[in-house]
Amino acid sequence: MKELLRSTDPTILAFATALLEGEDIDCFQMDVNMSILEGGIGIFPRRLMVRTDDLTRAERVMRDNEIPLGR
């Protein structure tokens, strides 16, 4: 899997996930449980991962919807 985007904003991650699922691109959020370690203040970014084969298509979906990749 490859990192598609990185963000501390859960709304961006939810929107990106919905867009990818609409395009039949599987994705997985990593670092979701880091909030336990940080105390819930949102300083550690979460990563959205996609399959290597889907990376180019997923990046296009993000660009078309003006979602910053944050890398």
C-alpha atoms as a PDB file:
ATOM      1  CA  MET A   1       0.000   0.000   0.000  1.00  0.00           C
ATOM      2  CA  LYS A   2       1.046   3.578  -0.658  1.00  0.00           C
ATOM      3  CA  GLU A   3       0.247   6.767   1.223  1.00  0.00           C
ATOM      4  CA  LEU A   4      -2.250   8.892  -0.686  1.00  0.00           C
ATOM      5  CA  LEU A   5      -2.733  11.738   1.745  1.00  0.00           C
ATOM      6  CA  ARG A   6      -1.907  12.871   5.254  1.00  0.00           C
ATOM      7  CA  SER A   7      -4.091  15.193   7.315  1.00  0.00           C
ATOM      8  CA  THR A   8      -5.054  16.148  10.851  1.00  0.00           C
ATOM      9  CA  ASP A   9      -8.559  17.087   9.645  1.00  0.00           C
ATOM     10  CA  PRO A  10     -10.951  14.131  10.036  1.00  0.00           C
ATOM     11  CA  THR A  11     -13.505  15.743   7.698  1.00  0.00           C
ATOM     12  CA  ILE A  12     -11.023  15.748   4.812  1.00  0.00           C
ATOM     13  CA  LEU A  13     -10.239  12.103   5.448  1.00  0.00           C
ATOM     14  CA  ALA A  14     -13.927  11.184   5.571  1.00  0.00           C
ATOM     15  CA  PHE A  15     -14.635  13.094   2.338  1.00  0.00           C
ATOM     16  CA  ALA A  16     -11.626  11.553   0.586  1.00  0.00           C
ATOM     17  CA  THR A  17     -12.658   8.074   1.737  1.00  0.00           C
ATOM     18  CA  ALA A  18     -16.187   8.585   0.405  1.00  0.00           C
ATOM     19  CA  LEU A  19     -14.858   9.811  -2.950  1.00  0.00           C
ATOM     20  CA  LEU A  20     -12.516   6.841  -3.278  1.00  0.00           C
ATOM     21  CA  GLU A  21     -15.222   4.359  -2.359  1.00  0.00           C
ATOM     22  CA  GLY A  22     -17.442   5.976  -4.998  1.00  0.00           C
ATOM     23  CA  GLU A  23     -14.730   5.237  -7.562  1.00  0.00           C
ATOM     24  CA  ASP A  24     -14.316   1.632  -6.298  1.00  0.00           C
ATOM     25  CA  ILE A  25     -10.851   2.340  -4.933  1.00  0.00           C
ATOM     26  CA  ASP A  26     -10.116   0.526  -1.678  1.00  0.00           C
ATOM     27  CA  CYS A  27      -8.512   2.655   1.026  1.00  0.00           C
ATOM     28  CA  PHE A  28      -7.449   2.292   4.640  1.00  0.00           C
ATOM     29  CA  GLN A  29      -6.935   4.961   7.309  1.00  0.00           C
ATOM     30  CA  MET A  30      -3.825   4.524   9.405  1.00  0.00           C
ATOM     31  CA  ASP A  31      -2.903   6.170  12.721  1.00  0.00           C
ATOM     32  CA  VAL A  32      -6.568   6.551  13.726  1.00  0.00           C
ATOM     33  CA  ASN A  33      -5.880   5.346  17.259  1.00  0.00           C
ATOM     34  CA  MET A  34      -3.029   7.793  17.836  1.00  0.00           C
ATOM     35  CA  SER A  35      -5.574  10.103  19.521  1.00  0.00           C
ATOM     36  CA  ILE A  36      -5.307   7.853  22.573  1.00  0.00           C
ATOM     37  CA  LEU A  37      -1.607   8.661  22.861  1.00  0.00           C
ATOM     38  CA  GLU A  38      -1.912  12.370  22.067  1.00  0.00           C
ATOM     39  CA  GLY A  39      -4.862  13.039  24.338  1.00  0.00           C
ATOM     40  CA  GLY A  40      -7.320  13.798  21.529  1.00  0.00           C
ATOM     41  CA  ILE A  41      -5.839  17.161  20.512  1.00  0.00           C
ATOM     42  CA  GLY A  42      -5.257  16.205  16.869  1.00  0.00           C
ATOM     43  CA  ILE A  43      -1.550  16.919  16.453  1.00  0.00           C
ATOM     44  CA  PHE A  44      -0.609  13.637  14.789  1.00  0.00           C
ATOM     45  CA  PRO A  45      -1.762  13.392  11.180  1.00  0.00           C
ATOM     46  CA  ARG A  46      -3.675  10.389   9.945  1.00  0.00           C
ATOM     47  CA  ARG A  47      -2.688   8.688   6.712  1.00  0.00           C
ATOM     48  CA  LEU A  48      -4.978   7.405   3.981  1.00  0.00           C
ATOM     49  CA  MET A  49      -3.483   4.436   2.183  1.00  0.00           C
ATOM     50  CA  VAL A  50      -4.429   2.920  -1.195  1.00  0.00           C
ATOM     51  CA  ARG A  51      -3.159  -0.018  -3.213  1.00  0.00           C
ATOM     52  CA  THR A  52      -0.076   0.707  -5.290  1.00  0.00           C
ATOM     53  CA  ASP A  53      -1.996  -0.079  -8.489  1.00  0.00           C
ATOM     54  CA  ASP A  54      -4.698   2.466  -7.570  1.00  0.00           C
ATOM     55  CA  LEU A  55      -2.388   5.326  -6.517  1.00  0.00           C
ATOM     56  CA  THR A  56      -2.404   7.266  -9.802  1.00  0.00           C
ATOM     57  CA  ARG A  57      -6.172   7.013 -10.151  1.00  0.00           C
ATOM     58  CA  ALA A  58      -6.692   7.986  -6.489  1.00  0.00           C
ATOM     59  CA  GLU A  59      -4.395  11.025  -6.849  1.00  0.00           C
ATOM     60  CA  ARG A  60      -6.456  12.136  -9.845  1.00  0.00           C
ATOM     61  CA  VAL A  61      -9.660  11.889  -7.788  1.00  0.00           C
ATOM     62  CA  MET A  62      -8.065  14.038  -5.059  1.00  0.00           C
ATOM     63  CA  ARG A  63      -6.857  16.663  -7.573  1.00  0.00           C
ATOM     64  CA  ASP A  64     -10.254  16.798  -9.289  1.00  0.00           C
ATOM     65  CA  ASN A  65     -11.882  17.547  -5.930  1.00  0.00           C
ATOM     66  CA  GLU A  66      -9.145  19.968  -4.778  1.00  0.00           C
ATOM     67  CA  ILE A  67      -8.145  17.873  -1.765  1.00  0.00           C
ATOM     68  CA  PRO A  68      -4.563  18.627  -0.662  1.00  0.00           C
ATOM     69  CA  LEU A  69      -2.406  15.527  -0.315  1.00  0.00           C
ATOM     70  CA  GLY A  70      -0.430  16.966   2.591  1.00  0.00           C
ATOM     71  CA  ARG A  71       2.791  15.102   1.807  1.00  0.00           C
END
